C-alpha atoms as a PDB file:
ATOM      1  CA  MET A   1       8.221   9.213  -2.282  1.00  0.00           C
ATOM      2  CA  LYS A   2       7.181  11.464  -5.162  1.00  0.00           C
ATOM      3  CA  SER A   3       9.650  12.064  -8.039  1.00  0.00           C
ATOM      4  CA  GLY A   4      10.612  15.641  -8.810  1.00  0.00           C
ATOM      5  CA  THR A   5       8.679  15.414 -12.076  1.00  0.00           C
ATOM      6  CA  ALA A   6       5.501  14.335 -10.288  1.00  0.00           C
ATOM      7  CA  ARG A   7       5.852  17.138  -7.752  1.00  0.00           C
ATOM      8  CA  ARG A   8       6.222  19.677 -10.613  1.00  0.00           C
ATOM      9  CA  ARG A   9       3.113  18.310 -12.368  1.00  0.00           C
ATOM     10  CA  ILE A  10       1.081  18.699  -9.167  1.00  0.00           C
ATOM     11  CA  ALA A  11       2.422  22.235  -8.606  1.00  0.00           C
ATOM     12  CA  ALA A  12       1.565  23.227 -12.170  1.00  0.00           C
ATOM     13  CA  ALA A  13      -1.888  21.688 -11.799  1.00  0.00           C
ATOM     14  CA  LEU A  14      -2.472  23.650  -8.630  1.00  0.00           C
ATOM     15  CA  ILE A  15      -1.669  26.879 -10.441  1.00  0.00           C
ATOM     16  CA  ALA A  16      -3.959  25.914 -13.315  1.00  0.00           C
ATOM     17  CA  THR A  17      -6.707  25.196 -10.833  1.00  0.00           C
ATOM     18  CA  ALA A  18      -6.349  28.535  -9.107  1.00  0.00           C
ATOM     19  CA  THR A  19      -6.459  30.283 -12.526  1.00  0.00           C
ATOM     20  CA  ALA A  20      -9.612  28.428 -13.515  1.00  0.00           C
ATOM     21  CA  VAL A  21     -11.312  29.287 -10.204  1.00  0.00           C
ATOM     22  CA  ALA A  22     -10.441  32.978 -10.683  1.00  0.00           C
ATOM     23  CA  ALA A  23     -11.836  32.897 -14.272  1.00  0.00           C
ATOM     24  CA  THR A  24     -15.129  31.312 -13.008  1.00  0.00           C
ATOM     25  CA  ALA A  25     -15.399  33.967 -10.332  1.00  0.00           C
ATOM     26  CA  CYS A  26     -15.124  36.656 -13.028  1.00  0.00           C
ATOM     27  CA  GLY A  27     -17.862  35.108 -15.070  1.00  0.00           C
ATOM     28  CA  GLY A  28     -15.767  32.834 -17.303  1.00  0.00           C
ATOM     29  CA  GLY A  29     -17.387  29.631 -16.054  1.00  0.00           C
ATOM     30  CA  GLY A  30     -20.748  28.082 -16.332  1.00  0.00           C
ATOM     31  CA  SER A  31     -22.121  25.001 -18.138  1.00  0.00           C
ATOM     32  CA  GLY A  32     -25.464  23.578 -19.267  1.00  0.00           C
ATOM     33  CA  ASN A  33     -26.994  20.373 -17.940  1.00  0.00           C
ATOM     34  CA  ALA A  34     -25.341  18.228 -20.543  1.00  0.00           C
ATOM     35  CA  ALA A  35     -21.910  19.462 -19.604  1.00  0.00           C
ATOM     36  CA  ALA A  36     -22.649  19.129 -15.888  1.00  0.00           C
ATOM     37  CA  ASN A  37     -23.659  15.449 -16.385  1.00  0.00           C
ATOM     38  CA  THR A  38     -20.496  14.654 -18.368  1.00  0.00           C
ATOM     39  CA  ILE A  39     -17.839  13.130 -16.104  1.00  0.00           C
ATOM     40  CA  SER A  40     -14.355  12.147 -17.127  1.00  0.00           C
ATOM     41  CA  VAL A  41     -12.843   9.500 -14.774  1.00  0.00           C
ATOM     42  CA  SER A  42      -9.223   8.484 -14.935  1.00  0.00           C
ATOM     43  CA  PHE A  43      -7.762   5.147 -13.980  1.00  0.00           C
ATOM     44  CA  SER A  44      -4.065   4.239 -14.063  1.00  0.00           C
ATOM     45  CA  GLN A  45      -3.833   0.441 -14.403  1.00  0.00           C
ATOM     46  CA  VAL A  46      -5.800  -2.181 -16.317  1.00  0.00           C
ATOM     47  CA  VAL A  47      -6.473  -4.403 -13.293  1.00  0.00           C
ATOM     48  CA  ALA A  48      -9.456  -6.248 -11.891  1.00  0.00           C
ATOM     49  CA  ASP A  49      -9.831  -3.612  -9.154  1.00  0.00           C
ATOM     50  CA  GLU A  50     -11.430  -1.422 -11.814  1.00  0.00           C
ATOM     51  CA  LEU A  51     -14.157  -3.899 -12.772  1.00  0.00           C
ATOM     52  CA  PRO A  52     -16.980  -2.008 -11.048  1.00  0.00           C
ATOM     53  CA  LEU A  53     -16.161   0.989 -13.235  1.00  0.00           C
ATOM     54  CA  TRP A  54     -16.132  -1.071 -16.382  1.00  0.00           C
ATOM     55  CA  ILE A  55     -19.426  -2.813 -15.470  1.00  0.00           C
ATOM     56  CA  ALA A  56     -21.131   0.508 -14.615  1.00  0.00           C
ATOM     57  CA  ASP A  57     -20.099   1.844 -17.988  1.00  0.00           C
ATOM     58  CA  GLU A  58     -20.738  -1.190 -20.231  1.00  0.00           C
ATOM     59  CA  ALA A  59     -24.020  -2.297 -18.533  1.00  0.00           C
ATOM     60  CA  GLY A  60     -25.430   1.151 -18.980  1.00  0.00           C
ATOM     61  CA  LEU A  61     -25.698   1.895 -15.253  1.00  0.00           C
ATOM     62  CA  PHE A  62     -24.179   5.346 -15.595  1.00  0.00           C
ATOM     63  CA  LYS A  63     -26.486   6.202 -18.461  1.00  0.00           C
ATOM     64  CA  ALA A  64     -29.454   5.050 -16.443  1.00  0.00           C
ATOM     65  CA  GLN A  65     -28.509   7.704 -13.927  1.00  0.00           C
ATOM     66  CA  GLY A  66     -28.439  10.347 -16.625  1.00  0.00           C
ATOM     67  CA  LEU A  67     -24.641  10.544 -16.743  1.00  0.00           C
ATOM     68  CA  ASP A  68     -22.253  10.605 -19.669  1.00  0.00           C
ATOM     69  CA  VAL A  69     -19.147   8.987 -18.110  1.00  0.00           C
ATOM     70  CA  LYS A  70     -15.887   8.787 -20.040  1.00  0.00           C
ATOM     71  CA  LEU A  71     -13.198   6.455 -18.667  1.00  0.00           C
ATOM     72  CA  VAL A  72      -9.737   7.740 -19.419  1.00  0.00           C
ATOM     73  CA  SER A  73      -6.504   5.809 -18.971  1.00  0.00           C
ATOM     74  CA  LEU A  74      -3.723   7.908 -17.345  1.00  0.00           C
ATOM     75  CA  SER A  75      -0.511   6.908 -15.641  1.00  0.00           C
ATOM     76  CA  SER A  76      -0.499   7.066 -11.835  1.00  0.00           C
ATOM     77  CA  SER A  77       1.781  10.139 -11.970  1.00  0.00           C
ATOM     78  CA  ASP A  78      -0.604  11.939 -14.286  1.00  0.00           C
ATOM     79  CA  GLY A  79      -3.945  11.013 -12.626  1.00  0.00           C
ATOM     80  CA  PHE A  80      -3.769  13.375  -9.677  1.00  0.00           C
ATOM     81  CA  PRO A  81      -2.503  16.402 -11.599  1.00  0.00           C
ATOM     82  CA  ALA A  82      -5.243  15.902 -14.199  1.00  0.00           C
ATOM     83  CA  LEU A  83      -7.851  15.758 -11.406  1.00  0.00           C
ATOM     84  CA  ILE A  84      -6.887  18.939  -9.662  1.00  0.00           C
ATOM     85  CA  SER A  85      -6.397  20.869 -12.920  1.00  0.00           C
ATOM     86  CA  GLY A  86      -9.909  19.962 -13.989  1.00  0.00           C
ATOM     87  CA  GLN A  87      -8.959  17.761 -16.964  1.00  0.00           C
ATOM     88  CA  THR A  88     -10.904  15.012 -15.211  1.00  0.00           C
ATOM     89  CA  GLN A  89     -13.663  15.268 -12.666  1.00  0.00           C
ATOM     90  CA  LEU A  90     -13.043  11.989 -10.780  1.00  0.00           C
ATOM     91  CA  ALA A  91      -9.984   9.831 -10.429  1.00  0.00           C
ATOM     92  CA  SER A  92      -9.693   6.157  -9.675  1.00  0.00           C
ATOM     93  CA  ILE A  93      -6.424   6.245  -7.714  1.00  0.00           C
ATOM     94  CA  GLY A  94      -4.735   4.658  -4.780  1.00  0.00           C
ATOM     95  CA  ALA A  95      -4.279   5.997  -1.309  1.00  0.00           C
ATOM     96  CA  SER A  96      -0.612   6.685  -1.905  1.00  0.00           C
ATOM     97  CA  GLU A  97      -1.317   9.059  -4.829  1.00  0.00           C
ATOM     98  CA  MET A  98      -4.118  10.661  -2.806  1.00  0.00           C
ATOM     99  CA  VAL A  99      -1.992  11.202   0.288  1.00  0.00           C
ATOM    100  CA  SER A 100       0.993  12.503  -1.658  1.00  0.00           C
ATOM    101  CA  GLY A 101      -1.115  14.892  -3.710  1.00  0.00           C
ATOM    102  CA  ALA A 102      -2.987  16.210  -0.725  1.00  0.00           C
ATOM    103  CA  ALA A 103       0.280  16.809   1.060  1.00  0.00           C
ATOM    104  CA  GLN A 104       1.408  18.954  -1.888  1.00  0.00           C
ATOM    105  CA  GLY A 105      -1.631  21.161  -1.463  1.00  0.00           C
ATOM    106  CA  GLY A 106      -4.332  19.386  -3.460  1.00  0.00           C
ATOM    107  CA  ASP A 107      -7.797  20.271  -2.047  1.00  0.00           C
ATOM    108  CA  VAL A 108      -9.412  16.843  -2.485  1.00  0.00           C
ATOM    109  CA  SER A 109     -11.755  14.276  -1.051  1.00  0.00           C
ATOM    110  CA  TYR A 110     -11.711  10.462  -1.103  1.00  0.00           C
ATOM    111  CA  LEU A 111     -15.242   9.403  -1.848  1.00  0.00           C
ATOM    112  CA  ALA A 112     -15.040   5.594  -2.176  1.00  0.00           C
ATOM    113  CA  THR A 113     -12.657   2.657  -1.780  1.00  0.00           C
ATOM    114  CA  LEU A 114     -13.041  -0.243  -4.201  1.00  0.00           C
ATOM    115  CA  THR A 115     -10.115  -2.245  -2.844  1.00  0.00           C
ATOM    116  CA  PRO A 116      -9.780  -1.755   0.984  1.00  0.00           C
ATOM    117  CA  VAL A 117      -6.960  -4.256   1.382  1.00  0.00           C
ATOM    118  CA  PHE A 118      -3.692  -5.018  -0.353  1.00  0.00           C
ATOM    119  CA  PRO A 119      -4.821  -7.555  -3.042  1.00  0.00           C
ATOM    120  CA  TYR A 120      -1.306  -8.983  -3.496  1.00  0.00           C
ATOM    121  CA  GLU A 121       0.966 -11.898  -2.829  1.00  0.00           C
ATOM    122  CA  LEU A 122       4.773 -11.618  -2.896  1.00  0.00           C
ATOM    123  CA  PHE A 123       6.172 -14.120  -5.438  1.00  0.00           C
ATOM    124  CA  ALA A 124       9.765 -15.361  -5.733  1.00  0.00           C
ATOM    125  CA  LYS A 125      11.621 -18.600  -6.309  1.00  0.00           C
ATOM    126  CA  VAL A 126      13.460 -18.540  -3.016  1.00  0.00           C
ATOM    127  CA  SER A 127      12.359 -20.440   0.054  1.00  0.00           C
ATOM    128  CA  ASP A 128      13.683 -17.966   2.607  1.00  0.00           C
ATOM    129  CA  PRO A 129      12.754 -14.280   2.096  1.00  0.00           C
ATOM    130  CA  GLN A 130      16.239 -13.273   3.402  1.00  0.00           C
ATOM    131  CA  GLN A 131      17.583 -14.649   0.172  1.00  0.00           C
ATOM    132  CA  LEU A 132      15.997 -11.658  -1.602  1.00  0.00           C
ATOM    133  CA  LYS A 133      18.698  -9.335  -0.215  1.00  0.00           C
ATOM    134  CA  GLY A 134      20.353  -7.542  -3.134  1.00  0.00           C
ATOM    135  CA  LYS A 135      17.805  -8.893  -5.591  1.00  0.00           C
ATOM    136  CA  ARG A 136      15.613  -6.947  -8.051  1.00  0.00           C
ATOM    137  CA  ILE A 137      12.012  -6.530  -6.975  1.00  0.00           C
ATOM    138  CA  GLY A 138       9.596  -5.006  -9.513  1.00  0.00           C
ATOM    139  CA  VAL A 139       7.222  -2.125  -8.746  1.00  0.00           C
ATOM    140  CA  THR A 140       5.234   0.126 -11.057  1.00  0.00           C
ATOM    141  CA  SER A 141       6.677   3.343  -9.630  1.00  0.00           C
ATOM    142  CA  THR A 142       8.145   4.724  -6.396  1.00  0.00           C
ATOM    143  CA  SER A 143       4.822   6.239  -5.231  1.00  0.00           C
ATOM    144  CA  GLY A 144       1.942   3.962  -6.293  1.00  0.00           C
ATOM    145  CA  SER A 145      -0.204   1.406  -4.537  1.00  0.00           C
ATOM    146  CA  LEU A 146       1.987  -1.473  -5.600  1.00  0.00           C
ATOM    147  CA  TYR A 147       5.052   0.338  -4.166  1.00  0.00           C
ATOM    148  CA  ILE A 148       3.286   0.808  -0.769  1.00  0.00           C
ATOM    149  CA  ALA A 149       2.237  -2.790  -0.731  1.00  0.00           C
ATOM    150  CA  THR A 150       5.815  -3.897  -1.515  1.00  0.00           C
ATOM    151  CA  LEU A 151       7.164  -1.880   1.398  1.00  0.00           C
ATOM    152  CA  GLU A 152       4.629  -3.596   3.666  1.00  0.00           C
ATOM    153  CA  ALA A 153       5.532  -7.037   2.330  1.00  0.00           C
ATOM    154  CA  LEU A 154       9.259  -6.375   2.815  1.00  0.00           C
ATOM    155  CA  LYS A 155       8.594  -5.215   6.354  1.00  0.00           C
ATOM    156  CA  GLN A 156       6.760  -8.424   7.137  1.00  0.00           C
ATOM    157  CA  VAL A 157       9.656 -10.581   6.071  1.00  0.00           C
ATOM    158  CA  GLY A 158      12.235  -8.538   7.914  1.00  0.00           C
ATOM    159  CA  LEU A 159      13.683  -6.619   5.024  1.00  0.00           C
ATOM    160  CA  SER A 160      13.986  -2.919   4.339  1.00  0.00           C
ATOM    161  CA  PRO A 161      13.785  -1.143   0.948  1.00  0.00           C
ATOM    162  CA  THR A 162      17.551  -0.640   1.037  1.00  0.00           C
ATOM    163  CA  ASP A 163      18.090  -4.409   1.295  1.00  0.00           C
ATOM    164  CA  VAL A 164      16.757  -4.982  -2.185  1.00  0.00           C
ATOM    165  CA  GLN A 165      16.756  -3.262  -5.601  1.00  0.00           C
ATOM    166  CA  LEU A 166      13.298  -1.765  -6.116  1.00  0.00           C
ATOM    167  CA  THR A 167      12.909  -1.534  -9.862  1.00  0.00           C
ATOM    168  CA  PRO A 168      10.123   0.733 -11.309  1.00  0.00           C
ATOM    169  CA  LEU A 169       8.686  -0.774 -14.533  1.00  0.00           C
ATOM    170  CA  GLY A 170       5.767   1.556 -15.279  1.00  0.00           C
ATOM    171  CA  SER A 171       2.733  -0.764 -15.203  1.00  0.00           C
ATOM    172  CA  VAL A 172       1.391  -3.864 -13.500  1.00  0.00           C
ATOM    173  CA  THR A 173       1.549  -5.685 -16.848  1.00  0.00           C
ATOM    174  CA  ASN A 174       5.228  -4.881 -17.175  1.00  0.00           C
ATOM    175  CA  VAL A 175       5.933  -6.067 -13.643  1.00  0.00           C
ATOM    176  CA  ASN A 176       4.122  -9.388 -14.288  1.00  0.00           C
ATOM    177  CA  ASN A 177       5.822  -9.966 -17.613  1.00  0.00           C
ATOM    178  CA  ALA A 178       9.288  -9.150 -16.169  1.00  0.00           C
ATOM    179  CA  LEU A 179       8.736 -11.598 -13.296  1.00  0.00           C
ATOM    180  CA  VAL A 180       7.744 -14.473 -15.651  1.00  0.00           C
ATOM    181  CA  ALA A 181      10.633 -13.636 -17.957  1.00  0.00           C
ATOM    182  CA  GLY A 182      13.072 -13.669 -15.048  1.00  0.00           C
ATOM    183  CA  THR A 183      14.423 -10.158 -15.530  1.00  0.00           C
ATOM    184  CA  ILE A 184      13.428  -9.425 -11.949  1.00  0.00           C
ATOM    185  CA  ASP A 185      13.650 -11.773  -8.975  1.00  0.00           C
ATOM    186  CA  ALA A 186      10.421 -11.051  -7.077  1.00  0.00           C
ATOM    187  CA  ALA A 187       7.320  -8.948  -7.213  1.00  0.00           C
ATOM    188  CA  LEU A 188       3.836  -8.637  -5.821  1.00  0.00           C
ATOM    189  CA  SER A 189       0.947  -9.752  -8.030  1.00  0.00           C
ATOM    190  CA  HIS A 190      -2.642 -10.907  -8.025  1.00  0.00           C
ATOM    191  CA  PRO A 191      -5.067 -12.807 -10.252  1.00  0.00           C
ATOM    192  CA  PRO A 192      -5.219 -13.425 -13.153  1.00  0.00           C
ATOM    193  CA  ALA A 193      -1.453 -13.102 -13.573  1.00  0.00           C
ATOM    194  CA  THR A 194      -0.776 -15.420 -10.598  1.00  0.00           C
ATOM    195  CA  THR A 195      -1.848 -18.404 -12.695  1.00  0.00           C
ATOM    196  CA  GLN A 196       1.026 -17.850 -15.143  1.00  0.00           C
ATOM    197  CA  ILE A 197       3.466 -16.772 -12.453  1.00  0.00           C
ATOM    198  CA  GLU A 198       2.945 -19.974 -10.418  1.00  0.00           C
ATOM    199  CA  ALA A 199       3.236 -21.997 -13.649  1.00  0.00           C
ATOM    200  CA  ALA A 200       6.672 -20.385 -14.189  1.00  0.00           C
ATOM    201  CA  GLY A 201       7.856 -21.805 -10.876  1.00  0.00           C
ATOM    202  CA  PHE A 202       7.345 -18.851  -8.518  1.00  0.00           C
ATOM    203  CA  ARG A 203       5.900 -19.406  -5.043  1.00  0.00           C
ATOM    204  CA  PRO A 204       3.998 -17.004  -2.789  1.00  0.00           C
ATOM    205  CA  LEU A 205       6.022 -15.884   0.264  1.00  0.00           C
ATOM    206  CA  VAL A 206       3.516 -13.395   1.751  1.00  0.00           C
ATOM    207  CA  ASP A 207      -0.265 -13.075   1.246  1.00  0.00           C
ATOM    208  CA  LEU A 208      -1.237  -9.504   2.105  1.00  0.00           C
ATOM    209  CA  ALA A 209      -4.912  -9.847   1.147  1.00  0.00           C
ATOM    210  CA  LYS A 210      -5.638 -12.404   3.802  1.00  0.00           C
ATOM    211  CA  GLN A 211      -4.200 -10.112   6.507  1.00  0.00           C
ATOM    212  CA  ASN A 212      -6.867  -7.472   5.856  1.00  0.00           C
ATOM    213  CA  ILE A 213      -4.392  -4.575   6.385  1.00  0.00           C
ATOM    214  CA  PRO A 214      -6.490  -1.454   5.791  1.00  0.00           C
ATOM    215  CA  THR A 215      -5.510   0.522   2.676  1.00  0.00           C
ATOM    216  CA  SER A 216      -7.043   1.796  -0.508  1.00  0.00           C
ATOM    217  CA  ASN A 217      -5.408   0.113  -3.433  1.00  0.00           C
ATOM    218  CA  VAL A 218      -8.043   1.778  -5.703  1.00  0.00           C
ATOM    219  CA  GLY A 219     -10.559   4.443  -4.730  1.00  0.00           C
ATOM    220  CA  ILE A 220     -12.519   7.339  -6.175  1.00  0.00           C
ATOM    221  CA  ALA A 221     -11.273  10.930  -5.559  1.00  0.00           C
ATOM    222  CA  ALA A 222     -12.596  14.370  -6.550  1.00  0.00           C
ATOM    223  CA  THR A 223     -11.616  17.959  -5.830  1.00  0.00           C
ATOM    224  CA  ASN A 224     -13.596  19.637  -3.070  1.00  0.00           C
ATOM    225  CA  GLY A 225     -14.618  22.261  -5.591  1.00  0.00           C
ATOM    226  CA  TYR A 226     -16.290  19.642  -7.751  1.00  0.00           C
ATOM    227  CA  VAL A 227     -17.866  18.006  -4.765  1.00  0.00           C
ATOM    228  CA  LYS A 228     -19.478  21.286  -3.762  1.00  0.00           C
ATOM    229  CA  SER A 229     -20.723  22.208  -7.220  1.00  0.00           C
ATOM    230  CA  HIS A 230     -21.720  18.751  -8.501  1.00  0.00           C
ATOM    231  CA  GLY A 231     -22.977  16.890  -5.487  1.00  0.00           C
ATOM    232  CA  ASP A 232     -26.022  15.553  -7.369  1.00  0.00           C
ATOM    233  CA  GLN A 233     -23.864  14.098 -10.160  1.00  0.00           C
ATOM    234  CA  ILE A 234     -21.559  12.471  -7.686  1.00  0.00           C
ATOM    235  CA  ARG A 235     -24.506  10.931  -5.842  1.00  0.00           C
ATOM    236  CA  ARG A 236     -25.847   9.436  -9.053  1.00  0.00           C
ATOM    237  CA  PHE A 237     -22.348   8.245 -10.015  1.00  0.00           C
ATOM    238  CA  MET A 238     -22.037   6.456  -6.719  1.00  0.00           C
ATOM    239  CA  THR A 239     -25.522   4.924  -7.105  1.00  0.00           C
ATOM    240  CA  ALA A 240     -24.399   3.379 -10.444  1.00  0.00           C
ATOM    241  CA  LEU A 241     -21.080   2.280  -9.001  1.00  0.00           C
ATOM    242  CA  GLN A 242     -22.760   0.466  -6.076  1.00  0.00           C
ATOM    243  CA  GLN A 243     -25.154  -1.201  -8.489  1.00  0.00           C
ATOM    244  CA  ALA A 244     -22.093  -2.336 -10.519  1.00  0.00           C
ATOM    245  CA  ILE A 245     -20.549  -3.792  -7.343  1.00  0.00           C
ATOM    246  CA  GLN A 246     -23.643  -5.887  -6.753  1.00  0.00           C
ATOM    247  CA  ARG A 247     -23.640  -7.011 -10.337  1.00  0.00           C
ATOM    248  CA  GLU A 248     -20.006  -8.037 -10.076  1.00  0.00           C
ATOM    249  CA  LYS A 249     -20.654 -10.023  -6.887  1.00  0.00           C
ATOM    250  CA  SER A 250     -23.789 -11.811  -8.190  1.00  0.00           C
ATOM    251  CA  ASP A 251     -23.075 -12.362 -11.886  1.00  0.00           C
ATOM    252  CA  GLU A 252     -19.836 -14.275 -12.567  1.00  0.00           C
ATOM    253  CA  ALA A 253     -20.628 -14.921 -16.246  1.00  0.00           C
ATOM    254  CA  TYR A 254     -21.043 -11.233 -17.056  1.00  0.00           C
ATOM    255  CA  SER A 255     -18.212 -10.101 -14.844  1.00  0.00           C
ATOM    256  CA  THR A 256     -15.671 -12.568 -16.394  1.00  0.00           C
ATOM    257  CA  LYS A 257     -16.842 -11.519 -19.818  1.00  0.00           C
ATOM    258  CA  VAL A 258     -16.004  -7.855 -19.080  1.00  0.00           C
ATOM    259  CA  LEU A 259     -12.746  -8.890 -17.396  1.00  0.00           C
ATOM    260  CA  SER A 260     -11.752 -10.943 -20.395  1.00  0.00           C
ATOM    261  CA  ALA A 261     -12.270  -8.027 -22.753  1.00  0.00           C
ATOM    262  CA  HIS A 262     -10.253  -5.566 -20.664  1.00  0.00           C
ATOM    263  CA  LEU A 263      -7.517  -7.782 -19.343  1.00  0.00           C
ATOM    264  CA  LYS A 264      -7.072  -9.655 -22.646  1.00  0.00           C
ATOM    265  CA  VAL A 265      -7.308 -12.973 -20.761  1.00  0.00           C
ATOM    266  CA  THR A 266      -9.222 -15.921 -22.203  1.00  0.00           C
ATOM    267  CA  ASP A 267      -8.209 -18.760 -19.840  1.00  0.00           C
ATOM    268  CA  PRO A 268     -11.463 -19.769 -18.029  1.00  0.00           C
ATOM    269  CA  LYS A 269      -9.551 -20.924 -14.939  1.00  0.00           C
ATOM    270  CA  ALA A 270      -7.675 -17.613 -14.583  1.00  0.00           C
ATOM    271  CA  LEU A 271     -10.877 -15.610 -15.111  1.00  0.00           C
ATOM    272  CA  HIS A 272     -12.762 -17.718 -12.558  1.00  0.00           C
ATOM    273  CA  GLU A 273      -9.908 -17.269  -9.989  1.00  0.00           C
ATOM    274  CA  THR A 274      -9.858 -13.597 -10.618  1.00  0.00           C
ATOM    275  CA  TRP A 275     -13.565 -13.147 -10.130  1.00  0.00           C
ATOM    276  CA  THR A 276     -13.610 -15.320  -7.021  1.00  0.00           C
ATOM    277  CA  TYR A 277     -10.664 -13.458  -5.495  1.00  0.00           C
ATOM    278  CA  TYR A 278     -12.180  -9.992  -5.988  1.00  0.00           C
ATOM    279  CA  ALA A 279     -15.906 -10.636  -5.752  1.00  0.00           C
ATOM    280  CA  LYS A 280     -15.639 -12.939  -2.682  1.00  0.00           C
ATOM    281  CA  GLU A 281     -12.536 -11.691  -0.852  1.00  0.00           C
ATOM    282  CA  VAL A 282     -11.628  -8.166  -1.810  1.00  0.00           C
ATOM    283  CA  LEU A 283     -14.518  -6.036  -3.065  1.00  0.00           C
ATOM    284  CA  PRO A 284     -16.724  -4.615  -0.234  1.00  0.00           C
ATOM    285  CA  ASP A 285     -20.481  -4.481  -0.424  1.00  0.00           C
ATOM    286  CA  VAL A 286     -20.254  -0.770   0.336  1.00  0.00           C
ATOM    287  CA  PRO A 287     -17.033   0.952  -0.812  1.00  0.00           C
ATOM    288  CA  THR A 288     -16.636   3.111   2.320  1.00  0.00           C
ATOM    289  CA  PRO A 289     -13.460   5.142   2.559  1.00  0.00           C
ATOM    290  CA  THR A 290     -11.846   5.318   6.033  1.00  0.00           C
ATOM    291  CA  VAL A 291      -9.030   7.194   7.776  1.00  0.00           C
ATOM    292  CA  ALA A 292      -7.240   3.904   8.481  1.00  0.00           C
ATOM    293  CA  GLN A 293      -7.040   3.145   4.761  1.00  0.00           C
ATOM    294  CA  LEU A 294      -5.161   6.408   4.083  1.00  0.00           C
ATOM    295  CA  GLN A 295      -3.061   6.253   7.226  1.00  0.00           C
ATOM    296  CA  THR A 296      -1.281   3.098   5.986  1.00  0.00           C
ATOM    297  CA  SER A 297       0.141   5.142   3.116  1.00  0.00           C
ATOM    298  CA  VAL A 298       1.051   8.017   5.425  1.00  0.00           C
ATOM    299  CA  ASP A 299       3.030   5.682   7.606  1.00  0.00           C
ATOM    300  CA  GLN A 300       4.956   4.178   4.684  1.00  0.00           C
ATOM    301  CA  LEU A 301       5.571   7.466   2.828  1.00  0.00           C
ATOM    302  CA  ALA A 302       6.422   9.775   5.748  1.00  0.00           C
ATOM    303  CA  PRO A 303      10.074   8.619   6.225  1.00  0.00           C
ATOM    304  CA  THR A 304      10.906   9.817   2.661  1.00  0.00           C
ATOM    305  CA  ASN A 305       8.243  12.515   2.195  1.00  0.00           C
ATOM    306  CA  PRO A 306       8.166  14.889   5.147  1.00  0.00           C
ATOM    307  CA  ALA A 307       5.148  16.766   3.724  1.00  0.00           C
ATOM    308  CA  VAL A 308       3.035  13.697   4.323  1.00  0.00           C
ATOM    309  CA  LYS A 309       3.961  13.376   7.961  1.00  0.00           C
ATOM    310  CA  ASN A 310       1.618  16.016   9.375  1.00  0.00           C
ATOM    311  CA  LEU A 311      -1.252  15.483   6.916  1.00  0.00           C
ATOM    312  CA  ASP A 312      -4.630  15.182   8.647  1.00  0.00           C
ATOM    313  CA  VAL A 313      -6.172  12.414   6.537  1.00  0.00           C
ATOM    314  CA  SER A 314      -9.506  12.707   8.382  1.00  0.00           C
ATOM    315  CA  THR A 315     -10.129  15.859   6.325  1.00  0.00           C
ATOM    316  CA  LEU A 316      -9.920  13.870   3.079  1.00  0.00           C
ATOM    317  CA  VAL A 317     -12.504  11.177   3.741  1.00  0.00           C
ATOM    318  CA  ASN A 318     -16.082  11.872   2.553  1.00  0.00           C
ATOM    319  CA  ALA A 319     -18.430   8.828   2.519  1.00  0.00           C
ATOM    320  CA  SER A 320     -21.609  10.927   2.378  1.00  0.00           C
ATOM    321  CA  PHE A 321     -22.502   9.979  -1.225  1.00  0.00           C
ATOM    322  CA  LEU A 322     -22.688   6.231  -0.604  1.00  0.00           C
ATOM    323  CA  THR A 323     -25.855   4.291   0.250  1.00  0.00           C
ATOM    324  CA  ALA A 324     -25.678   1.899   3.220  1.00  0.00           C
ATOM    325  CA  ALA A 325     -26.174  -1.793   2.583  1.00  0.00           C
ATOM    326  CA  ARG A 326     -29.735  -3.022   2.984  1.00  0.00           C
END
């Protein structure tokens, strides 16, 4: 479900977008080539899912395509409003934010999916998942990808959200730290944090990644207005992104170096496990968005967000800027 604050942010952003479109129609818009080739891209969590973006930036792949890409860290509740208001041109967001925002009237397209499965395991110190009843389970928010994955994990062990205390903690880092510290009883996580979590005595109860449930934990979104006016820039962006994916999959040394810098992790074992998990199990060769990936979020959000229920997610998927694998 979306909080009231998040709904107001999206509504305000939609009004701002309409105002900007009207100004452009009256002659207030227009930009030179330099401005057209400058792309601000938001991301909400410092997680390994974002590695292709970091590689494309730091290896100069965006620049090689004639693009000036600026990566901007925004919370998951701010990413979608910033996108539709034009503060950013692309957003690295999860399917849940995409679906919720589109249901509120955002005219958007999902252009790529970097993480097409739930890359999580449910960790706790209990042996029977039923022992989690009444316990605190950490999530980042009540609308993000980790929240949707948590609902799926609870469903698989025969629990409902009302059986536990879902505790929003703001970020993946906060969730991981709270679990290790014991201030929550369970949470979903993934490498590299799983190395420290298991060392603290937690055991995995559910492995969602191995089940290949379609979703988009992280994907690339844009407004349809930007897609129509900047198709060439998007195509070049996706070319660089796909080159970065291949670099990640083929160059462990470089990939773990970039991961270490961003995740602030120096343990070689944890970095190797993280790279292996994402490059070999999670990251697709071609980051193709699909209806099924978005539908998983619709199914989980619809009971508490009626606006999502009748959303036609097929209108959101646009894979036309990707190059097929050779």
